Amino acid sequence: MTNPSNAPIPAGWYPDPAGGPRSRWWDGTQWTETFQEPYSAATGTALKAPEGTKAYNVWIWLVVLLPYISLPFLFAIDLSSLVDPRVLSDSDAALEAQFAFYLNPWIWVSTILGWAASAFTIFFAYRDWKSLLASGVPQPFHWAFAFLNLAVGPVYAIGRAVVVKRRTGHGSAVLWVTIGMIVLSIVVVIGWTAALVSQIVQAASTMR
C-alpha cells in the first residue's frame, strides 16, 4: 500500500499510508480524504462509511421480498374437500379429504417455492453483505443472520437496515418495506383463515 497507484488494489479501508491509527478509504484508483477512526468500545466512536455510500442494491430487495413469493398460492389451494359436510360426520371421508388436500399440486408448489425462497434469501443476503463491504460500509450486519429467517423472521433485513442507517445516515426504507411486508402477510393469512372458517361454518349449518 505504499504506492497503490502501481497495483490494481480493490476499493476498501486500509491503514493510512501517512501513518497514524486511522484507516483511509482507497476508491480503487486513489486515496480519498475520507478517514475512519478506530472503533473504541470505551468512547463509543461510531463506524462511518464514506460520504455518498449507497445503502441499497438489488440483493437487499430480493432478501426483503423473496420470502413472500409463495403467499399468493394460498388462494389457489382448493379447500372444498376439507369443508364437505360428509367430512364432519364420516371418518373415512375425513381421511380421504386429508389425503386429497396434501396431494394437491398447489400445496407442493407452495412448499417447494417456500424452501427455495429461503435458500436464495440466504444467498442474496451474502451477496448484499459483500456489496456493502465493497462499497465501504464498515462491519455491516453479518449475512449469516439470514439463517434465522427459517425460524424467526426477517432478522437480517431488520438488522441490516439498522446498521446501515448508523454507518451511512440512510437506508431506513429497507426496514419500512420489511415491516410493510410482514403486516401484509398477516392480513393475507387472516383473510385466508377467515374464509376457511366461514366455509366450515356454512358446512356445519348444512348438516343441521
N, C-alpha and C. Protein backbone atom coordinates (compact mmCIF):
# COMPACT_ATOMS: atom_id res chain seq x y z
N MET A 1 0.81 -1.21 0.00
CA MET A 1 0.00 0.00 0.00
C MET A 1 0.85 1.26 0.00
N THR A 2 2.16 1.08 -0.10
CA THR A 2 3.00 2.27 -0.10
C THR A 2 2.86 3.06 -1.39
N ASN A 3 2.52 2.38 -2.47
CA ASN A 3 2.34 3.07 -3.75
C ASN A 3 1.17 2.42 -4.49
N PRO A 4 -0.06 2.64 -4.03
CA PRO A 4 -1.21 1.91 -4.55
C PRO A 4 -1.48 2.17 -6.01
N SER A 5 -1.04 3.29 -6.57
CA SER A 5 -1.34 3.60 -7.97
C SER A 5 -0.67 2.63 -8.93
N ASN A 6 0.33 1.86 -8.46
CA ASN A 6 1.04 0.94 -9.33
C ASN A 6 0.45 -0.46 -9.30
N ALA A 7 -0.61 -0.69 -8.54
CA ALA A 7 -1.18 -2.03 -8.43
C ALA A 7 -2.70 -1.94 -8.40
N PRO A 8 -3.38 -2.90 -9.01
CA PRO A 8 -4.85 -2.89 -9.04
C PRO A 8 -5.45 -3.31 -7.69
N ILE A 9 -5.42 -2.44 -6.74
CA ILE A 9 -5.92 -2.76 -5.40
C ILE A 9 -7.40 -2.42 -5.32
N PRO A 10 -8.24 -3.34 -4.86
CA PRO A 10 -9.68 -3.07 -4.81
C PRO A 10 -10.01 -1.98 -3.80
N ALA A 11 -11.15 -1.31 -4.03
CA ALA A 11 -11.59 -0.27 -3.11
C ALA A 11 -11.82 -0.85 -1.72
N GLY A 12 -11.51 -0.07 -0.70
CA GLY A 12 -11.71 -0.55 0.66
C GLY A 12 -10.99 0.32 1.67
N TRP A 13 -11.17 -0.04 2.94
CA TRP A 13 -10.49 0.66 4.04
C TRP A 13 -9.12 0.02 4.26
N TYR A 14 -8.10 0.86 4.32
CA TYR A 14 -6.74 0.39 4.54
C TYR A 14 -6.05 1.32 5.54
N PRO A 15 -4.98 0.83 6.18
CA PRO A 15 -4.23 1.72 7.08
C PRO A 15 -3.77 2.96 6.32
N ASP A 16 -3.87 4.09 6.97
CA ASP A 16 -3.48 5.36 6.35
C ASP A 16 -1.98 5.31 6.01
N PRO A 17 -1.61 5.47 4.73
CA PRO A 17 -0.18 5.41 4.37
C PRO A 17 0.63 6.55 5.00
N ALA A 18 -0.07 7.59 5.44
CA ALA A 18 0.64 8.69 6.09
C ALA A 18 0.98 8.36 7.54
N GLY A 19 0.47 7.22 8.01
CA GLY A 19 0.73 6.82 9.38
C GLY A 19 -0.42 7.17 10.30
N GLY A 20 -0.35 6.74 11.52
CA GLY A 20 -1.41 7.00 12.49
C GLY A 20 -2.36 5.83 12.60
N PRO A 21 -3.24 5.87 13.58
CA PRO A 21 -4.14 4.74 13.85
C PRO A 21 -5.36 4.69 12.93
N ARG A 22 -5.62 5.75 12.15
CA ARG A 22 -6.83 5.81 11.35
C ARG A 22 -6.73 4.94 10.09
N SER A 23 -7.90 4.55 9.58
CA SER A 23 -7.98 3.90 8.28
C SER A 23 -8.36 4.96 7.25
N ARG A 24 -7.98 4.71 6.00
CA ARG A 24 -8.27 5.67 4.95
C ARG A 24 -8.91 4.95 3.77
N TRP A 25 -9.88 5.59 3.12
CA TRP A 25 -10.62 4.96 2.04
C TRP A 25 -9.86 5.06 0.72
N TRP A 26 -9.58 3.88 0.15
CA TRP A 26 -8.97 3.77 -1.16
C TRP A 26 -10.09 3.44 -2.14
N ASP A 27 -10.37 4.31 -3.14
CA ASP A 27 -11.54 4.14 -4.02
C ASP A 27 -11.29 3.25 -5.21
N GLY A 28 -10.15 2.59 -5.23
CA GLY A 28 -9.80 1.70 -6.33
C GLY A 28 -8.79 2.30 -7.28
N THR A 29 -8.67 3.63 -7.23
CA THR A 29 -7.69 4.31 -8.09
C THR A 29 -6.79 5.27 -7.33
N GLN A 30 -7.31 5.80 -6.21
CA GLN A 30 -6.52 6.77 -5.47
C GLN A 30 -7.02 6.85 -4.02
N TRP A 31 -6.18 7.43 -3.18
CA TRP A 31 -6.58 7.68 -1.80
C TRP A 31 -7.56 8.86 -1.77
N THR A 32 -8.60 8.73 -0.94
CA THR A 32 -9.54 9.84 -0.77
C THR A 32 -9.22 10.55 0.54
N GLU A 33 -9.97 11.59 0.82
CA GLU A 33 -9.78 12.32 2.07
C GLU A 33 -10.77 11.85 3.13
N THR A 34 -11.29 10.63 2.96
CA THR A 34 -12.22 10.05 3.93
C THR A 34 -11.45 9.15 4.88
N PHE A 35 -11.56 9.44 6.16
CA PHE A 35 -10.84 8.68 7.17
C PHE A 35 -11.83 8.03 8.13
N GLN A 36 -11.38 7.00 8.79
CA GLN A 36 -12.20 6.30 9.77
C GLN A 36 -11.38 6.11 11.04
N GLU A 37 -11.95 6.62 12.12
CA GLU A 37 -11.27 6.46 13.40
C GLU A 37 -11.40 5.02 13.88
N PRO A 38 -10.41 4.50 14.55
CA PRO A 38 -10.52 3.14 15.09
C PRO A 38 -11.64 3.08 16.11
N TYR A 39 -12.45 2.02 16.02
CA TYR A 39 -13.57 1.90 16.94
C TYR A 39 -13.08 1.64 18.36
N SER A 40 -13.70 2.30 19.29
CA SER A 40 -13.35 2.12 20.69
C SER A 40 -14.62 1.91 21.50
N ALA A 41 -14.74 0.76 22.14
CA ALA A 41 -15.93 0.50 22.95
C ALA A 41 -16.01 1.46 24.13
N ALA A 42 -14.85 1.92 24.57
CA ALA A 42 -14.83 2.82 25.73
C ALA A 42 -15.41 4.18 25.39
N THR A 43 -15.04 4.68 24.20
CA THR A 43 -15.51 6.01 23.81
C THR A 43 -16.77 5.96 22.97
N GLY A 44 -17.10 4.74 22.44
CA GLY A 44 -18.30 4.61 21.63
C GLY A 44 -18.16 5.29 20.27
N THR A 45 -16.94 5.43 19.76
CA THR A 45 -16.74 6.04 18.46
C THR A 45 -17.46 5.23 17.39
N ALA A 46 -18.29 5.89 16.60
CA ALA A 46 -19.10 5.20 15.61
C ALA A 46 -18.30 4.93 14.34
N LEU A 47 -18.60 3.79 13.71
CA LEU A 47 -18.02 3.49 12.42
C LEU A 47 -18.84 4.18 11.34
N LYS A 48 -18.18 4.79 10.39
CA LYS A 48 -18.88 5.52 9.35
C LYS A 48 -18.39 5.09 7.97
N ALA A 49 -19.33 5.04 7.01
CA ALA A 49 -18.99 4.75 5.62
C ALA A 49 -18.60 6.04 4.93
N PRO A 50 -17.92 5.96 3.79
CA PRO A 50 -17.58 7.17 3.03
C PRO A 50 -18.83 7.95 2.64
N GLU A 51 -18.70 9.23 2.54
CA GLU A 51 -19.82 10.09 2.15
C GLU A 51 -20.36 9.65 0.79
N GLY A 52 -21.69 9.54 0.72
CA GLY A 52 -22.32 9.17 -0.54
C GLY A 52 -22.41 7.68 -0.78
N THR A 53 -22.02 6.87 0.19
CA THR A 53 -22.12 5.42 0.02
C THR A 53 -23.57 5.00 -0.16
N LYS A 54 -23.82 4.15 -1.14
CA LYS A 54 -25.18 3.69 -1.41
C LYS A 54 -25.64 2.69 -0.36
N ALA A 55 -26.86 2.88 0.11
CA ALA A 55 -27.40 1.98 1.14
C ALA A 55 -28.23 0.85 0.54
N TYR A 56 -28.55 0.94 -0.74
CA TYR A 56 -29.44 -0.04 -1.36
C TYR A 56 -28.78 -0.71 -2.55
N ASN A 57 -29.18 -1.94 -2.81
CA ASN A 57 -28.77 -2.66 -4.00
C ASN A 57 -29.84 -3.71 -4.29
N VAL A 58 -29.73 -4.35 -5.43
CA VAL A 58 -30.77 -5.31 -5.84
C VAL A 58 -30.85 -6.49 -4.87
N TRP A 59 -29.71 -6.83 -4.25
CA TRP A 59 -29.69 -8.01 -3.38
C TRP A 59 -30.56 -7.83 -2.15
N ILE A 60 -30.53 -6.65 -1.54
CA ILE A 60 -31.32 -6.47 -0.32
C ILE A 60 -32.81 -6.47 -0.62
N TRP A 61 -33.20 -5.97 -1.79
CA TRP A 61 -34.63 -6.00 -2.12
C TRP A 61 -35.10 -7.42 -2.39
N LEU A 62 -34.23 -8.25 -2.95
CA LEU A 62 -34.57 -9.67 -3.11
C LEU A 62 -34.70 -10.34 -1.74
N VAL A 63 -33.82 -9.99 -0.82
CA VAL A 63 -33.89 -10.54 0.55
C VAL A 63 -35.21 -10.16 1.21
N VAL A 64 -35.65 -8.93 1.00
CA VAL A 64 -36.87 -8.44 1.65
C VAL A 64 -38.12 -9.06 1.04
N LEU A 65 -38.17 -9.18 -0.29
CA LEU A 65 -39.42 -9.56 -0.97
C LEU A 65 -39.55 -11.05 -1.26
N LEU A 66 -38.43 -11.73 -1.49
CA LEU A 66 -38.48 -13.13 -1.92
C LEU A 66 -39.21 -14.07 -0.95
N PRO A 67 -39.07 -13.91 0.38
CA PRO A 67 -39.75 -14.84 1.29
C PRO A 67 -41.27 -14.89 1.13
N TYR A 68 -41.85 -13.90 0.47
CA TYR A 68 -43.31 -13.84 0.36
C TYR A 68 -43.81 -14.31 -1.01
N ILE A 69 -42.93 -14.91 -1.80
CA ILE A 69 -43.29 -15.29 -3.16
C ILE A 69 -44.39 -16.35 -3.19
N SER A 70 -44.45 -17.19 -2.17
CA SER A 70 -45.45 -18.26 -2.16
C SER A 70 -46.78 -17.84 -1.54
N LEU A 71 -46.85 -16.63 -1.03
CA LEU A 71 -48.06 -16.17 -0.34
C LEU A 71 -49.31 -16.21 -1.23
N PRO A 72 -49.26 -15.75 -2.48
CA PRO A 72 -50.47 -15.77 -3.31
C PRO A 72 -51.02 -17.17 -3.56
N PHE A 73 -50.17 -18.19 -3.44
CA PHE A 73 -50.62 -19.54 -3.73
C PHE A 73 -51.57 -20.08 -2.67
N LEU A 74 -51.67 -19.40 -1.54
CA LEU A 74 -52.65 -19.81 -0.53
C LEU A 74 -54.06 -19.84 -1.12
N PHE A 75 -54.34 -18.86 -1.98
CA PHE A 75 -55.68 -18.74 -2.53
C PHE A 75 -55.92 -19.66 -3.71
N ALA A 76 -54.85 -20.32 -4.19
CA ALA A 76 -55.00 -21.28 -5.27
C ALA A 76 -55.29 -22.69 -4.75
N ILE A 77 -55.14 -22.89 -3.44
CA ILE A 77 -55.35 -24.21 -2.84
C ILE A 77 -56.84 -24.45 -2.64
N ASP A 78 -57.32 -25.55 -3.19
CA ASP A 78 -58.74 -25.90 -3.08
C ASP A 78 -59.01 -26.53 -1.72
N LEU A 79 -59.84 -25.87 -0.92
CA LEU A 79 -60.17 -26.36 0.42
C LEU A 79 -61.57 -26.97 0.50
N SER A 80 -62.22 -27.10 -0.66
CA SER A 80 -63.60 -27.56 -0.65
C SER A 80 -63.74 -28.96 -0.06
N SER A 81 -62.72 -29.81 -0.29
CA SER A 81 -62.82 -31.18 0.23
C SER A 81 -62.78 -31.21 1.75
N LEU A 82 -62.09 -30.25 2.36
CA LEU A 82 -61.98 -30.24 3.81
C LEU A 82 -63.24 -29.74 4.50
N VAL A 83 -64.07 -29.00 3.78
CA VAL A 83 -65.29 -28.45 4.39
C VAL A 83 -66.54 -29.12 3.84
N ASP A 84 -66.36 -30.24 3.14
CA ASP A 84 -67.51 -31.00 2.66
C ASP A 84 -68.30 -31.50 3.87
N PRO A 85 -69.61 -31.39 3.85
CA PRO A 85 -70.42 -31.84 5.00
C PRO A 85 -70.16 -33.28 5.41
N ARG A 86 -69.79 -34.15 4.46
CA ARG A 86 -69.53 -35.55 4.81
C ARG A 86 -68.33 -35.70 5.72
N VAL A 87 -67.37 -34.78 5.57
CA VAL A 87 -66.15 -34.85 6.38
C VAL A 87 -66.46 -34.70 7.86
N LEU A 88 -67.52 -33.94 8.18
CA LEU A 88 -67.85 -33.68 9.57
C LEU A 88 -68.52 -34.87 10.26
N SER A 89 -69.01 -35.84 9.46
CA SER A 89 -69.73 -36.95 10.06
C SER A 89 -69.17 -38.32 9.72
N ASP A 90 -68.28 -38.37 8.74
CA ASP A 90 -67.74 -39.65 8.27
C ASP A 90 -66.22 -39.63 8.39
N SER A 91 -65.68 -40.50 9.25
CA SER A 91 -64.24 -40.52 9.47
C SER A 91 -63.49 -40.95 8.21
N ASP A 92 -64.06 -41.87 7.44
CA ASP A 92 -63.41 -42.30 6.21
C ASP A 92 -63.33 -41.16 5.20
N ALA A 93 -64.44 -40.41 5.13
CA ALA A 93 -64.46 -39.26 4.22
C ALA A 93 -63.46 -38.20 4.68
N ALA A 94 -63.31 -38.03 5.99
CA ALA A 94 -62.36 -37.06 6.52
C ALA A 94 -60.92 -37.45 6.17
N LEU A 95 -60.62 -38.77 6.29
CA LEU A 95 -59.28 -39.24 5.95
C LEU A 95 -59.00 -39.07 4.46
N GLU A 96 -60.00 -39.38 3.65
CA GLU A 96 -59.86 -39.22 2.20
C GLU A 96 -59.64 -37.75 1.84
N ALA A 97 -60.36 -36.86 2.51
CA ALA A 97 -60.22 -35.42 2.24
C ALA A 97 -58.82 -34.93 2.62
N GLN A 98 -58.27 -35.45 3.72
CA GLN A 98 -56.93 -35.05 4.13
C GLN A 98 -55.89 -35.49 3.11
N PHE A 99 -56.03 -36.72 2.61
CA PHE A 99 -55.10 -37.19 1.58
C PHE A 99 -55.20 -36.33 0.33
N ALA A 100 -56.43 -36.02 -0.07
CA ALA A 100 -56.63 -35.18 -1.26
C ALA A 100 -56.01 -33.80 -1.08
N PHE A 101 -56.11 -33.29 0.14
CA PHE A 101 -55.56 -31.97 0.42
C PHE A 101 -54.05 -31.97 0.29
N TYR A 102 -53.40 -32.95 0.90
CA TYR A 102 -51.93 -32.96 0.90
C TYR A 102 -51.34 -33.38 -0.44
N LEU A 103 -52.17 -33.98 -1.30
CA LEU A 103 -51.71 -34.33 -2.64
C LEU A 103 -52.03 -33.24 -3.65
N ASN A 104 -52.64 -32.17 -3.18
CA ASN A 104 -52.96 -31.04 -4.06
C ASN A 104 -51.65 -30.46 -4.63
N PRO A 105 -51.55 -30.34 -5.95
CA PRO A 105 -50.29 -29.84 -6.53
C PRO A 105 -49.92 -28.44 -6.07
N TRP A 106 -50.93 -27.61 -5.75
CA TRP A 106 -50.62 -26.25 -5.31
C TRP A 106 -49.97 -26.25 -3.93
N ILE A 107 -50.29 -27.26 -3.12
CA ILE A 107 -49.62 -27.41 -1.81
C ILE A 107 -48.12 -27.63 -2.04
N TRP A 108 -47.81 -28.53 -2.98
CA TRP A 108 -46.41 -28.86 -3.25
C TRP A 108 -45.68 -27.68 -3.88
N VAL A 109 -46.36 -26.99 -4.81
CA VAL A 109 -45.75 -25.81 -5.43
C VAL A 109 -45.42 -24.77 -4.38
N SER A 110 -46.38 -24.51 -3.49
CA SER A 110 -46.18 -23.51 -2.44
C SER A 110 -45.04 -23.91 -1.51
N THR A 111 -44.99 -25.20 -1.15
CA THR A 111 -43.94 -25.68 -0.24
C THR A 111 -42.56 -25.59 -0.87
N ILE A 112 -42.45 -26.04 -2.12
CA ILE A 112 -41.16 -26.02 -2.81
C ILE A 112 -40.69 -24.58 -3.01
N LEU A 113 -41.63 -23.71 -3.40
CA LEU A 113 -41.26 -22.30 -3.57
C LEU A 113 -40.80 -21.69 -2.25
N GLY A 114 -41.46 -22.07 -1.16
CA GLY A 114 -41.08 -21.53 0.15
C GLY A 114 -39.67 -21.92 0.53
N TRP A 115 -39.31 -23.20 0.34
CA TRP A 115 -37.96 -23.64 0.69
C TRP A 115 -36.91 -23.04 -0.25
N ALA A 116 -37.25 -22.97 -1.54
CA ALA A 116 -36.32 -22.38 -2.50
C ALA A 116 -36.09 -20.90 -2.18
N ALA A 117 -37.17 -20.21 -1.82
CA ALA A 117 -37.04 -18.79 -1.47
C ALA A 117 -36.16 -18.61 -0.25
N SER A 118 -36.28 -19.51 0.72
CA SER A 118 -35.45 -19.42 1.93
C SER A 118 -33.97 -19.59 1.59
N ALA A 119 -33.68 -20.56 0.72
CA ALA A 119 -32.28 -20.81 0.35
C ALA A 119 -31.70 -19.61 -0.43
N PHE A 120 -32.47 -19.11 -1.38
CA PHE A 120 -31.99 -17.97 -2.17
C PHE A 120 -31.87 -16.70 -1.32
N THR A 121 -32.75 -16.56 -0.33
CA THR A 121 -32.68 -15.40 0.54
C THR A 121 -31.35 -15.37 1.30
N ILE A 122 -30.90 -16.53 1.76
CA ILE A 122 -29.61 -16.61 2.45
C ILE A 122 -28.47 -16.25 1.50
N PHE A 123 -28.55 -16.76 0.26
CA PHE A 123 -27.51 -16.46 -0.73
C PHE A 123 -27.50 -14.97 -1.07
N PHE A 124 -28.67 -14.38 -1.24
CA PHE A 124 -28.75 -12.96 -1.58
C PHE A 124 -28.29 -12.08 -0.41
N ALA A 125 -28.53 -12.55 0.82
CA ALA A 125 -28.03 -11.81 1.98
C ALA A 125 -26.50 -11.78 1.96
N TYR A 126 -25.90 -12.90 1.58
CA TYR A 126 -24.44 -12.95 1.46
C TYR A 126 -23.95 -11.96 0.40
N ARG A 127 -24.64 -11.94 -0.75
CA ARG A 127 -24.24 -11.01 -1.82
C ARG A 127 -24.41 -9.55 -1.39
N ASP A 128 -25.48 -9.28 -0.64
CA ASP A 128 -25.70 -7.93 -0.14
C ASP A 128 -24.59 -7.53 0.82
N TRP A 129 -24.22 -8.44 1.70
CA TRP A 129 -23.15 -8.18 2.68
C TRP A 129 -21.84 -7.89 1.97
N LYS A 130 -21.52 -8.68 0.94
CA LYS A 130 -20.29 -8.45 0.17
C LYS A 130 -20.35 -7.11 -0.55
N SER A 131 -21.53 -6.76 -1.06
CA SER A 131 -21.69 -5.49 -1.77
C SER A 131 -21.48 -4.31 -0.83
N LEU A 132 -22.00 -4.42 0.39
CA LEU A 132 -21.82 -3.34 1.37
C LEU A 132 -20.34 -3.18 1.73
N LEU A 133 -19.67 -4.29 1.91
CA LEU A 133 -18.23 -4.22 2.21
C LEU A 133 -17.48 -3.54 1.07
N ALA A 134 -17.81 -3.92 -0.17
CA ALA A 134 -17.14 -3.33 -1.31
C ALA A 134 -17.43 -1.84 -1.46
N SER A 135 -18.60 -1.43 -0.94
CA SER A 135 -18.98 -0.01 -1.02
C SER A 135 -18.34 0.83 0.07
N GLY A 136 -17.69 0.17 1.03
CA GLY A 136 -17.03 0.90 2.10
C GLY A 136 -17.78 0.97 3.40
N VAL A 137 -18.87 0.18 3.53
CA VAL A 137 -19.62 0.15 4.80
C VAL A 137 -18.83 -0.71 5.78
N PRO A 138 -18.33 -0.15 6.87
CA PRO A 138 -17.53 -0.94 7.81
C PRO A 138 -18.41 -1.82 8.70
N GLN A 139 -18.01 -3.07 8.82
CA GLN A 139 -18.68 -4.04 9.69
C GLN A 139 -20.19 -4.04 9.50
N PRO A 140 -20.67 -4.33 8.29
CA PRO A 140 -22.12 -4.41 8.10
C PRO A 140 -22.71 -5.61 8.83
N PHE A 141 -24.01 -5.58 9.03
CA PHE A 141 -24.70 -6.68 9.71
C PHE A 141 -24.39 -7.98 8.96
N HIS A 142 -23.98 -9.00 9.70
CA HIS A 142 -23.46 -10.21 9.05
C HIS A 142 -24.56 -11.00 8.35
N TRP A 143 -24.23 -11.50 7.16
CA TRP A 143 -25.21 -12.21 6.33
C TRP A 143 -25.70 -13.50 6.98
N ALA A 144 -24.90 -14.10 7.86
CA ALA A 144 -25.29 -15.39 8.46
C ALA A 144 -26.56 -15.28 9.29
N PHE A 145 -26.94 -14.06 9.71
CA PHE A 145 -28.20 -13.90 10.43
C PHE A 145 -29.40 -14.24 9.56
N ALA A 146 -29.19 -14.34 8.25
CA ALA A 146 -30.28 -14.71 7.34
C ALA A 146 -30.78 -16.12 7.61
N PHE A 147 -29.95 -16.96 8.23
CA PHE A 147 -30.39 -18.32 8.57
C PHE A 147 -31.54 -18.28 9.58
N LEU A 148 -31.61 -17.22 10.36
CA LEU A 148 -32.70 -17.09 11.34
C LEU A 148 -34.04 -16.85 10.66
N ASN A 149 -34.02 -16.48 9.37
CA ASN A 149 -35.28 -16.33 8.63
C ASN A 149 -36.07 -17.62 8.63
N LEU A 150 -35.37 -18.75 8.74
CA LEU A 150 -36.05 -20.05 8.68
C LEU A 150 -36.91 -20.30 9.91
N ALA A 151 -36.59 -19.65 11.03
CA ALA A 151 -37.32 -19.92 12.27
C ALA A 151 -37.93 -18.70 12.92
N VAL A 152 -37.31 -17.55 12.75
CA VAL A 152 -37.72 -16.36 13.49
C VAL A 152 -38.43 -15.35 12.61
N GLY A 153 -37.84 -15.03 11.47
CA GLY A 153 -38.39 -13.99 10.61
C GLY A 153 -37.27 -13.20 9.96
N PRO A 154 -37.57 -12.05 9.40
CA PRO A 154 -36.58 -11.27 8.64
C PRO A 154 -35.54 -10.57 9.51
N VAL A 155 -34.78 -11.35 10.27
CA VAL A 155 -33.78 -10.79 11.18
C VAL A 155 -32.70 -10.03 10.40
N TYR A 156 -32.24 -10.63 9.29
CA TYR A 156 -31.15 -9.99 8.55
C TYR A 156 -31.58 -8.64 8.00
N ALA A 157 -32.75 -8.57 7.38
CA ALA A 157 -33.20 -7.31 6.77
C ALA A 157 -33.33 -6.21 7.81
N ILE A 158 -33.89 -6.54 8.98
CA ILE A 158 -34.08 -5.54 10.03
C ILE A 158 -32.74 -5.10 10.60
N GLY A 159 -31.89 -6.07 10.95
CA GLY A 159 -30.57 -5.74 11.49
C GLY A 159 -29.72 -4.98 10.49
N ARG A 160 -29.80 -5.36 9.25
CA ARG A 160 -29.05 -4.69 8.19
C ARG A 160 -29.48 -3.24 8.06
N ALA A 161 -30.80 -3.00 8.10
CA ALA A 161 -31.31 -1.64 7.97
C ALA A 161 -30.81 -0.74 9.11
N VAL A 162 -30.83 -1.28 10.32
CA VAL A 162 -30.39 -0.50 11.48
C VAL A 162 -28.90 -0.16 11.38
N VAL A 163 -28.07 -1.16 11.04
CA VAL A 163 -26.62 -0.96 10.98
C VAL A 163 -26.24 -0.02 9.83
N VAL A 164 -26.84 -0.23 8.66
CA VAL A 164 -26.52 0.64 7.52
C VAL A 164 -26.94 2.08 7.79
N LYS A 165 -28.07 2.24 8.48
CA LYS A 165 -28.50 3.59 8.85
C LYS A 165 -27.45 4.27 9.72
N ARG A 166 -26.87 3.54 10.65
CA ARG A 166 -25.83 4.10 11.52
C ARG A 166 -24.56 4.41 10.74
N ARG A 167 -24.24 3.56 9.77
CA ARG A 167 -22.97 3.73 9.05
C ARG A 167 -23.05 4.81 7.97
N THR A 168 -24.22 4.92 7.30
CA THR A 168 -24.31 5.81 6.15
C THR A 168 -25.24 7.00 6.37
N GLY A 169 -26.10 6.94 7.38
CA GLY A 169 -27.05 8.01 7.61
C GLY A 169 -28.36 7.83 6.88
N HIS A 170 -28.48 6.77 6.06
CA HIS A 170 -29.72 6.47 5.36
C HIS A 170 -29.83 4.96 5.18
N GLY A 171 -30.96 4.51 4.61
CA GLY A 171 -31.17 3.07 4.44
C GLY A 171 -32.37 2.55 5.19
N SER A 172 -33.19 3.45 5.75
CA SER A 172 -34.35 3.03 6.55
C SER A 172 -35.46 2.42 5.71
N ALA A 173 -35.44 2.66 4.39
CA ALA A 173 -36.51 2.13 3.53
C ALA A 173 -36.59 0.61 3.62
N VAL A 174 -35.43 -0.04 3.80
CA VAL A 174 -35.42 -1.50 3.93
C VAL A 174 -36.24 -1.93 5.15
N LEU A 175 -36.09 -1.21 6.25
CA LEU A 175 -36.83 -1.53 7.47
C LEU A 175 -38.33 -1.35 7.27
N TRP A 176 -38.73 -0.23 6.65
CA TRP A 176 -40.15 0.05 6.50
C TRP A 176 -40.81 -0.88 5.50
N VAL A 177 -40.11 -1.24 4.43
CA VAL A 177 -40.68 -2.19 3.48
C VAL A 177 -40.80 -3.57 4.12
N THR A 178 -39.81 -3.95 4.93
CA THR A 178 -39.88 -5.23 5.64
C THR A 178 -41.08 -5.28 6.57
N ILE A 179 -41.28 -4.21 7.34
CA ILE A 179 -42.43 -4.15 8.24
C ILE A 179 -43.74 -4.20 7.43
N GLY A 180 -43.76 -3.47 6.31
CA GLY A 180 -44.95 -3.48 5.48
C GLY A 180 -45.28 -4.86 4.95
N MET A 181 -44.27 -5.62 4.55
CA MET A 181 -44.50 -6.98 4.04
C MET A 181 -44.97 -7.91 5.14
N ILE A 182 -44.45 -7.72 6.36
CA ILE A 182 -44.92 -8.53 7.49
C ILE A 182 -46.39 -8.27 7.74
N VAL A 183 -46.77 -6.99 7.76
CA VAL A 183 -48.17 -6.63 8.00
C VAL A 183 -49.05 -7.18 6.88
N LEU A 184 -48.61 -7.04 5.64
CA LEU A 184 -49.38 -7.55 4.50
C LEU A 184 -49.60 -9.06 4.61
N SER A 185 -48.53 -9.78 4.97
CA SER A 185 -48.66 -11.24 5.08
C SER A 185 -49.63 -11.63 6.19
N ILE A 186 -49.61 -10.89 7.30
CA ILE A 186 -50.55 -11.17 8.40
C ILE A 186 -51.98 -10.94 7.94
N VAL A 187 -52.21 -9.85 7.21
CA VAL A 187 -53.55 -9.55 6.71
C VAL A 187 -54.03 -10.64 5.76
N VAL A 188 -53.14 -11.08 4.87
CA VAL A 188 -53.50 -12.12 3.90
C VAL A 188 -53.83 -13.43 4.61
N VAL A 189 -53.03 -13.82 5.58
CA VAL A 189 -53.27 -15.07 6.31
C VAL A 189 -54.58 -14.98 7.12
N ILE A 190 -54.82 -13.83 7.74
CA ILE A 190 -56.07 -13.66 8.48
C ILE A 190 -57.27 -13.77 7.54
N GLY A 191 -57.17 -13.13 6.36
CA GLY A 191 -58.26 -13.21 5.39
C GLY A 191 -58.49 -14.63 4.90
N TRP A 192 -57.39 -15.35 4.65
CA TRP A 192 -57.49 -16.75 4.20
C TRP A 192 -58.12 -17.62 5.29
N THR A 193 -57.70 -17.41 6.53
CA THR A 193 -58.24 -18.19 7.65
C THR A 193 -59.73 -17.88 7.86
N ALA A 194 -60.08 -16.61 7.74
CA ALA A 194 -61.48 -16.23 7.91
C ALA A 194 -62.35 -16.88 6.84
N ALA A 195 -61.85 -16.94 5.60
CA ALA A 195 -62.60 -17.59 4.52
C ALA A 195 -62.77 -19.07 4.80
N LEU A 196 -61.74 -19.71 5.32
CA LEU A 196 -61.82 -21.14 5.65
C LEU A 196 -62.83 -21.39 6.76
N VAL A 197 -62.78 -20.57 7.82
CA VAL A 197 -63.72 -20.73 8.94
C VAL A 197 -65.15 -20.51 8.46
N SER A 198 -65.34 -19.54 7.57
CA SER A 198 -66.67 -19.27 7.04
C SER A 198 -67.22 -20.48 6.28
N GLN A 199 -66.35 -21.13 5.50
CA GLN A 199 -66.78 -22.32 4.77
C GLN A 199 -67.13 -23.45 5.73
N ILE A 200 -66.36 -23.60 6.80
CA ILE A 200 -66.63 -24.66 7.78
C ILE A 200 -67.97 -24.41 8.47
N VAL A 201 -68.22 -23.16 8.84
CA VAL A 201 -69.48 -22.81 9.49
C VAL A 201 -70.66 -23.07 8.57
N GLN A 202 -70.52 -22.73 7.31
CA GLN A 202 -71.59 -22.98 6.34
C GLN A 202 -71.83 -24.47 6.17
N ALA A 203 -70.74 -25.25 6.15
CA ALA A 203 -70.88 -26.70 6.04
C ALA A 203 -71.59 -27.28 7.24
N ALA A 204 -71.24 -26.78 8.43
CA ALA A 204 -71.89 -27.25 9.66
C ALA A 204 -73.37 -26.90 9.66
N SER A 205 -73.71 -25.73 9.13
CA SER A 205 -75.10 -25.33 9.07
C SER A 205 -75.89 -26.22 8.14
N THR A 206 -75.24 -26.63 7.04
CA THR A 206 -75.89 -27.53 6.09
C THR A 206 -76.20 -28.87 6.72
N MET A 207 -75.31 -29.33 7.59
CA MET A 207 -75.51 -30.61 8.27
C MET A 207 -76.73 -30.58 9.15
N ARG A 208 -77.06 -29.40 9.70
CA ARG A 208 -78.21 -29.30 10.57
C ARG A 208 -79.52 -29.31 9.77
